[in-house]
Amino acid sequence: MAMSAIDAISPAFQHTKQQLFQPFRAGQWAKLALVGFLAGELTSGGCNLQMPSGTTSGTNRFDMPPLPHLDPAVVAGLIAFLIVFGSVVFLLFLYVNSVMRFVLFDAVIEKTCAIRRAWSRRNRAGLRYFVWQLLFYLVGPVVIALVIGIPVLCAVALGWIKDPKQHLVVLILGGMALFFLFFVFVIVWLLVHVFTKDFVVPQMAIEDVTAFEGWRRLLPQLSGDKGSYAGYVAMKIVMTLGVAVVVGIVAFIVILILLIPFGGLGAVAVLLGKAAGLQWNLYTISLAVIVLFVFLLVVLYAISLISVPAIVFFPAYSIYFFAARYPALDTLLHPVPPPAVVPPPVLPPAPGFSG
């Protein structure tokens, strides 16, 4: 009998407890935090941090330093560099993310995290998943642009935008239809993303198939067992929201703690810079951006460290749910023990023989 979405919670919880706390290994915890962060499994609550705004009276007035005057050619070159650099970083991170998805899968199945061994073993599958993700992230914006752009161009061509009062009902109904289509597309896009990493990646890891082949096999299961998969999505949303609240509270405390040393060092650096006569220019702004980037990396890794139980639990939850519907995964999750070696019988000595 296939396991329901609720039934899969208990074995996933027991799996997480055994992997992380029986026994507790600090090195494994740190590795799982890194793998989970790079695999995109980091779960955290949203925090809206706002700095107090300055007032315009009295001693509380806060004057922003004037922006530096930069050569337009330098600014254009900097923008071009940032675009190219950002594209390269995105592709590099997407590839690392693709391979780390399989490293995390192996770590959960084997209950131990061996990054180097899993990385060398999963490069082929990671490359295939990278191609899938690249197409996935490129197709999404194109579809959205077509869904929104074509109706807008039609409205412009028909003159509805020039005289909106004469076509108010059509524009309102059209806007509602566009919003509905956009909402449906986002939901489908998210479901494809979740089902790929939860149910297609195991097939790619076990049978060395492409993501497209994995989806070809998965679609009949989805159509034949809609209720179970819908329950899985609902349970995952509920559990993700609950974990996000808890992790978000802890993450907020961690960020405040990290702000103390980083904020102190930043204040000292600003004071020393003013004393040395430094001003905001291309180099100081670049240095500030680098420091901010390092701080964000430290914060994200700290949040990943406190999210390790969630990083292990959610892949384990999808694995136990899917293993009941995918025999190859169930065999990998519950390997058959080797047959016991029975020693040969000891024969009695032959008659007439004495030692």
Protein backbone atom coordinates (compact mmCIF):
# COMPACT_ATOMS: atom_id res chain seq x y z
CA MET A 1 0.00 0.00 0.00
CA ALA A 2 1.39 3.42 -0.98
CA MET A 3 2.38 5.64 1.90
CA SER A 4 0.27 8.78 2.40
CA ALA A 5 1.67 12.25 2.87
CA ILE A 6 0.92 12.09 6.61
CA ASP A 7 2.38 8.58 7.03
CA ALA A 8 5.70 9.73 5.53
CA ILE A 9 6.27 12.28 8.31
CA SER A 10 7.16 9.78 11.04
CA PRO A 11 9.86 7.81 9.18
CA ALA A 12 11.35 11.05 7.85
CA PHE A 13 11.51 12.43 11.40
CA GLN A 14 13.12 9.23 12.71
CA HIS A 15 15.59 9.29 9.82
CA THR A 16 16.55 12.90 10.62
CA LYS A 17 17.00 12.10 14.31
CA GLN A 18 19.21 9.11 13.59
CA GLN A 19 21.35 10.93 11.04
CA LEU A 20 21.95 14.07 13.09
CA PHE A 21 21.90 12.97 16.73
CA GLN A 22 22.72 9.25 16.87
CA PRO A 23 25.52 10.15 17.21
CA PHE A 24 25.94 13.90 16.90
CA ARG A 25 28.85 14.81 14.61
CA ALA A 26 29.80 18.47 14.37
CA GLY A 27 31.73 17.93 11.14
CA GLN A 28 28.78 16.27 9.44
CA TRP A 29 26.50 19.05 10.66
CA ALA A 30 28.78 21.70 9.13
CA LYS A 31 29.01 19.78 5.83
CA LEU A 32 25.23 19.35 5.64
CA ALA A 33 24.80 23.08 6.25
CA LEU A 34 27.10 23.84 3.31
CA VAL A 35 25.49 21.25 1.03
CA GLY A 36 21.99 22.38 1.98
CA PHE A 37 22.85 26.01 1.31
CA LEU A 38 24.40 25.28 -2.09
CA ALA A 39 21.58 22.87 -3.01
CA GLY A 40 18.96 25.54 -2.37
CA GLU A 41 17.39 23.65 0.52
CA LEU A 42 17.84 26.52 2.96
CA THR A 43 14.56 27.23 4.76
CA SER A 44 14.21 30.53 6.61
CA GLY A 45 11.51 32.95 7.55
CA GLY A 46 11.32 36.39 6.04
CA CYS A 47 12.54 39.30 8.07
CA ASN A 48 11.85 42.88 7.13
CA LEU A 49 14.62 44.90 8.70
CA GLN A 50 14.24 48.63 8.38
CA MET A 51 16.78 51.17 9.48
CA PRO A 52 15.39 54.15 11.37
CA SER A 53 14.84 57.06 9.04
CA GLY A 54 16.53 60.32 9.74
CA THR A 55 14.63 63.40 10.83
CA THR A 56 15.11 66.87 9.47
CA SER A 57 15.24 68.82 12.68
CA GLY A 58 17.57 69.25 15.63
CA THR A 59 20.57 67.10 16.27
CA ASN A 60 18.80 63.96 14.95
CA ARG A 61 19.22 65.12 11.37
CA PHE A 62 21.09 62.59 9.29
CA ASP A 63 22.69 63.90 6.10
CA MET A 64 23.62 61.34 3.48
CA PRO A 65 27.04 61.94 1.97
CA PRO A 66 26.89 63.28 -1.58
CA LEU A 67 27.26 60.74 -4.32
CA PRO A 68 30.63 60.81 -6.02
CA HIS A 69 30.99 62.25 -9.48
CA LEU A 70 31.95 59.40 -11.78
CA ASP A 71 32.88 59.44 -15.43
CA PRO A 72 29.89 58.11 -17.46
CA ALA A 73 32.26 55.85 -19.41
CA VAL A 74 33.50 54.35 -16.12
CA VAL A 75 29.92 53.84 -14.93
CA ALA A 76 28.95 52.17 -18.22
CA GLY A 77 32.00 49.91 -18.03
CA LEU A 78 31.21 49.05 -14.43
CA ILE A 79 27.60 48.19 -15.31
CA ALA A 80 28.74 46.00 -18.21
CA PHE A 81 31.24 44.26 -15.95
CA LEU A 82 28.59 43.64 -13.30
CA ILE A 83 26.21 42.17 -15.89
CA VAL A 84 28.86 39.79 -17.23
CA PHE A 85 30.16 38.96 -13.76
CA GLY A 86 26.63 38.38 -12.46
CA SER A 87 25.83 36.07 -15.39
CA VAL A 88 28.98 34.04 -14.81
CA VAL A 89 28.30 33.79 -11.08
CA PHE A 90 24.70 32.75 -11.75
CA LEU A 91 25.75 29.97 -14.14
CA LEU A 92 28.48 28.80 -11.78
CA PHE A 93 26.14 28.75 -8.80
CA LEU A 94 23.44 26.99 -10.85
CA TYR A 95 25.90 24.24 -11.79
CA VAL A 96 27.09 23.85 -8.20
CA ASN A 97 23.46 23.85 -7.07
CA SER A 98 22.64 21.11 -9.59
CA VAL A 99 25.43 18.79 -8.44
CA MET A 100 24.83 19.53 -4.77
CA ARG A 101 21.21 18.43 -5.15
CA PHE A 102 22.54 14.92 -5.81
CA VAL A 103 25.16 15.23 -3.07
CA LEU A 104 22.33 16.01 -0.63
CA PHE A 105 20.32 13.06 -1.95
CA ASP A 106 23.26 10.72 -1.33
CA ALA A 107 23.89 12.23 2.10
CA VAL A 108 20.31 11.58 3.19
CA ILE A 109 20.18 8.06 1.76
CA GLU A 110 23.54 7.03 3.23
CA LYS A 111 23.07 9.04 6.46
CA THR A 112 26.53 10.49 6.05
CA CYS A 113 27.84 13.46 4.08
CA ALA A 114 30.88 12.81 1.89
CA ILE A 115 31.04 15.86 -0.36
CA ARG A 116 34.17 15.02 -2.36
CA ARG A 117 33.17 11.43 -3.14
CA ALA A 118 29.59 12.34 -4.01
CA TRP A 119 30.69 15.30 -6.13
CA SER A 120 32.97 13.18 -8.32
CA ARG A 121 30.29 10.52 -8.67
CA ARG A 122 27.41 12.88 -9.50
CA ASN A 123 28.98 15.22 -12.06
CA ARG A 124 27.15 13.57 -15.00
CA ALA A 125 23.75 13.70 -13.34
CA GLY A 126 24.46 17.21 -12.09
CA LEU A 127 25.28 18.41 -15.60
CA ARG A 128 21.99 17.00 -16.90
CA TYR A 129 20.10 18.67 -14.07
CA PHE A 130 21.99 21.91 -14.77
CA VAL A 131 20.76 21.89 -18.38
CA TRP A 132 17.21 21.28 -17.18
CA GLN A 133 17.38 24.12 -14.65
CA LEU A 134 18.92 26.50 -17.17
CA LEU A 135 16.10 25.85 -19.64
CA PHE A 136 13.57 26.03 -16.82
CA TYR A 137 14.75 29.45 -15.65
CA LEU A 138 14.94 30.77 -19.21
CA VAL A 139 11.52 29.53 -20.30
CA GLY A 140 9.73 31.03 -17.30
CA PRO A 141 10.40 34.72 -18.09
CA VAL A 142 9.77 34.11 -21.80
CA VAL A 143 6.35 32.61 -21.11
CA ILE A 144 5.47 35.43 -18.72
CA ALA A 145 6.54 38.01 -21.29
CA LEU A 146 4.35 36.35 -23.93
CA VAL A 147 1.36 35.97 -21.60
CA ILE A 148 1.50 39.62 -20.56
CA GLY A 149 3.12 41.23 -23.59
CA ILE A 150 0.82 39.91 -26.34
CA PRO A 151 -2.44 41.15 -24.72
CA VAL A 152 -0.82 44.50 -23.90
CA LEU A 153 0.36 44.92 -27.50
CA CYS A 154 -3.12 44.02 -28.74
CA ALA A 155 -4.65 46.62 -26.43
CA VAL A 156 -2.22 49.24 -27.71
CA ALA A 157 -2.88 48.32 -31.32
CA LEU A 158 -6.64 48.56 -30.81
CA GLY A 159 -6.29 51.97 -29.16
CA TRP A 160 -7.67 50.90 -25.79
CA ILE A 161 -4.71 52.37 -23.90
CA LYS A 162 -5.07 55.83 -25.52
CA ASP A 163 -8.70 56.13 -24.46
CA PRO A 164 -9.09 53.89 -21.40
CA LYS A 165 -12.39 55.41 -20.25
CA GLN A 166 -14.16 54.17 -23.37
CA HIS A 167 -12.89 50.64 -22.78
CA LEU A 168 -12.82 50.54 -18.99
CA VAL A 169 -14.83 47.31 -18.63
CA VAL A 170 -12.71 45.46 -21.18
CA LEU A 171 -9.47 46.67 -19.57
CA ILE A 172 -10.62 45.65 -16.08
CA LEU A 173 -11.77 42.22 -17.21
CA GLY A 174 -8.63 41.77 -19.28
CA GLY A 175 -6.44 42.78 -16.35
CA MET A 176 -8.21 40.28 -14.08
CA ALA A 177 -7.77 37.55 -16.70
CA LEU A 178 -4.08 38.35 -17.07
CA PHE A 179 -3.60 38.28 -13.30
CA PHE A 180 -5.35 34.90 -13.13
CA LEU A 181 -3.18 33.49 -15.93
CA PHE A 182 -0.05 34.85 -14.25
CA PHE A 183 -1.10 33.32 -10.92
CA VAL A 184 -1.80 29.92 -12.51
CA PHE A 185 1.52 29.99 -14.34
CA VAL A 186 3.44 30.79 -11.14
CA ILE A 187 1.72 27.91 -9.31
CA VAL A 188 2.47 25.46 -12.13
CA TRP A 189 6.05 26.76 -12.37
CA LEU A 190 6.61 26.20 -8.64
CA LEU A 191 5.04 22.73 -8.73
CA VAL A 192 7.30 21.71 -11.62
CA HIS A 193 10.32 22.96 -9.66
CA VAL A 194 9.34 21.09 -6.47
CA PHE A 195 8.37 17.85 -8.22
CA THR A 196 11.59 17.88 -10.25
CA LYS A 197 13.88 18.09 -7.24
CA ASP A 198 11.74 15.76 -5.10
CA PHE A 199 10.67 13.07 -7.57
CA VAL A 200 12.72 13.42 -10.76
CA VAL A 201 16.15 13.83 -9.16
CA PRO A 202 15.90 10.41 -7.42
CA GLN A 203 15.24 8.78 -10.81
CA MET A 204 18.20 10.62 -12.33
CA ALA A 205 20.41 9.52 -9.43
CA ILE A 206 19.37 5.86 -9.43
CA GLU A 207 18.79 5.07 -13.12
CA ASP A 208 21.01 7.69 -14.81
CA VAL A 209 18.16 9.13 -16.87
CA THR A 210 17.61 12.72 -18.01
CA ALA A 211 15.17 15.08 -16.35
CA PHE A 212 12.89 14.86 -19.37
CA GLU A 213 12.79 11.06 -19.13
CA GLY A 214 12.14 11.33 -15.39
CA TRP A 215 9.17 13.59 -16.06
CA ARG A 216 7.87 11.22 -18.75
CA ARG A 217 7.78 8.48 -16.12
CA LEU A 218 6.40 10.72 -13.39
CA LEU A 219 3.43 12.14 -15.29
CA PRO A 220 1.43 8.85 -15.36
CA GLN A 221 1.92 8.54 -11.59
CA LEU A 222 0.71 12.09 -11.03
CA SER A 223 -2.39 11.57 -13.15
CA GLY A 224 -3.18 8.22 -11.51
CA ASP A 225 -2.62 9.33 -7.91
CA LYS A 226 -3.64 12.98 -7.85
CA GLY A 227 -5.00 12.90 -4.31
CA SER A 228 -1.82 11.59 -2.71
CA TYR A 229 0.42 14.06 -4.52
CA ALA A 230 -1.96 16.93 -3.72
CA GLY A 231 -1.80 15.90 -0.06
CA TYR A 232 1.97 15.83 -0.29
CA VAL A 233 2.06 19.39 -1.61
CA ALA A 234 -0.38 20.57 1.08
CA MET A 235 1.59 18.93 3.91
CA LYS A 236 4.87 20.29 2.59
CA ILE A 237 3.45 23.82 2.45
CA VAL A 238 2.15 23.57 6.03
CA MET A 239 5.42 22.14 7.37
CA THR A 240 7.52 24.64 5.41
CA LEU A 241 5.57 27.55 6.85
CA GLY A 242 5.92 26.18 10.37
CA VAL A 243 9.66 25.62 10.01
CA ALA A 244 10.08 29.05 8.38
CA VAL A 245 8.53 30.75 11.40
CA VAL A 246 10.79 28.94 13.88
CA VAL A 247 13.95 29.35 11.81
CA GLY A 248 13.05 32.97 11.08
CA ILE A 249 12.90 33.80 14.79
CA VAL A 250 16.23 32.12 15.49
CA ALA A 251 17.75 33.68 12.37
CA PHE A 252 16.69 37.15 13.51
CA ILE A 253 18.54 36.60 16.80
CA VAL A 254 21.61 35.29 14.96
CA ILE A 255 21.65 38.31 12.65
CA LEU A 256 21.50 40.67 15.63
CA ILE A 257 24.42 38.83 17.23
CA LEU A 258 26.48 38.98 14.03
CA LEU A 259 25.73 42.67 13.60
CA ILE A 260 27.65 43.44 16.80
CA PRO A 261 31.16 42.50 15.56
CA PHE A 262 30.52 43.44 11.92
CA GLY A 263 28.86 46.71 12.89
CA GLY A 264 31.70 47.55 15.25
CA LEU A 265 34.33 46.85 12.62
CA GLY A 266 32.34 48.84 10.07
CA ALA A 267 32.12 51.84 12.38
CA VAL A 268 35.84 51.69 13.07
CA ALA A 269 36.59 51.45 9.35
CA VAL A 270 34.38 54.47 8.60
CA LEU A 271 36.07 56.54 11.32
CA LEU A 272 39.53 55.56 10.14
CA GLY A 273 38.58 56.34 6.55
CA LYS A 274 37.33 59.79 7.50
CA ALA A 275 40.48 60.43 9.51
CA ALA A 276 42.57 59.41 6.51
CA GLY A 277 40.58 61.72 4.23
CA LEU A 278 39.00 58.97 2.16
CA GLN A 279 35.84 59.76 0.20
CA TRP A 280 33.25 57.73 -1.63
CA ASN A 281 34.59 56.79 -5.05
CA LEU A 282 34.58 53.77 -7.32
CA TYR A 283 37.12 51.91 -5.20
CA THR A 284 35.64 52.59 -1.77
CA ILE A 285 32.14 51.76 -3.03
CA SER A 286 33.44 48.48 -4.50
CA LEU A 287 35.16 47.66 -1.21
CA ALA A 288 31.95 48.36 0.71
CA VAL A 289 29.99 46.10 -1.64
CA ILE A 290 32.53 43.28 -1.16
CA VAL A 291 32.36 43.61 2.63
CA LEU A 292 28.57 43.58 2.50
CA PHE A 293 28.65 40.49 0.29
CA VAL A 294 30.95 38.68 2.75
CA PHE A 295 28.65 39.63 5.61
CA LEU A 296 25.65 38.23 3.73
CA LEU A 297 27.50 34.97 3.08
CA VAL A 298 28.34 34.65 6.78
CA VAL A 299 24.71 35.34 7.72
CA LEU A 300 23.37 32.82 5.20
CA TYR A 301 25.76 30.11 6.36
CA ALA A 302 24.86 30.81 9.99
CA ILE A 303 21.18 30.46 9.09
CA SER A 304 22.02 27.27 7.20
CA LEU A 305 23.70 25.86 10.31
CA ILE A 306 20.55 26.30 12.38
CA SER A 307 18.46 24.92 9.50
CA VAL A 308 20.30 21.58 9.23
CA PRO A 309 17.40 19.56 10.73
CA ALA A 310 15.09 21.01 8.06
CA ILE A 311 17.75 20.48 5.38
CA VAL A 312 17.74 16.76 6.19
CA PHE A 313 14.06 16.33 7.06
CA PHE A 314 12.46 17.68 3.88
CA PRO A 315 14.55 15.57 1.44
CA ALA A 316 13.96 12.56 3.71
CA TYR A 317 10.23 13.30 3.68
CA SER A 318 10.09 13.35 -0.12
CA ILE A 319 12.27 10.22 -0.31
CA TYR A 320 10.04 8.16 2.02
CA PHE A 321 6.89 9.38 0.28
CA PHE A 322 8.23 8.60 -3.19
CA ALA A 323 9.92 5.32 -2.20
CA ALA A 324 6.48 3.78 -1.63
CA ARG A 325 5.75 4.52 -5.32
CA TYR A 326 9.19 3.91 -6.82
CA PRO A 327 10.54 0.41 -6.11
CA ALA A 328 14.13 1.25 -7.10
CA LEU A 329 14.24 3.99 -4.45
CA ASP A 330 12.61 1.74 -1.86
CA THR A 331 15.28 -0.89 -2.50
CA LEU A 332 17.99 1.74 -2.06
CA LEU A 333 16.35 3.02 1.11
CA HIS A 334 15.76 -0.45 2.56
CA PRO A 335 18.53 -2.65 1.16
CA VAL A 336 18.09 -6.38 1.55
CA PRO A 337 20.63 -7.65 4.11
CA PRO A 338 23.16 -10.10 2.74
CA PRO A 339 22.39 -13.73 3.47
CA ALA A 340 23.90 -15.04 6.63
CA VAL A 341 27.00 -17.11 6.16
CA VAL A 342 26.34 -20.57 7.54
CA PRO A 343 29.52 -22.34 8.59
CA PRO A 344 29.97 -25.81 7.12
CA PRO A 345 28.88 -28.62 9.42
CA VAL A 346 31.54 -30.30 11.46
CA LEU A 347 31.65 -33.93 10.44
CA PRO A 348 32.43 -36.54 13.03
CA PRO A 349 35.70 -38.37 12.60
CA ALA A 350 35.60 -41.50 10.49
CA PRO A 351 35.38 -44.83 12.37
CA GLY A 352 38.70 -46.26 13.24
CA PHE A 353 40.50 -42.91 12.99
CA SER A 354 42.16 -41.56 16.10
CA GLY A 355 43.85 -38.30 16.50
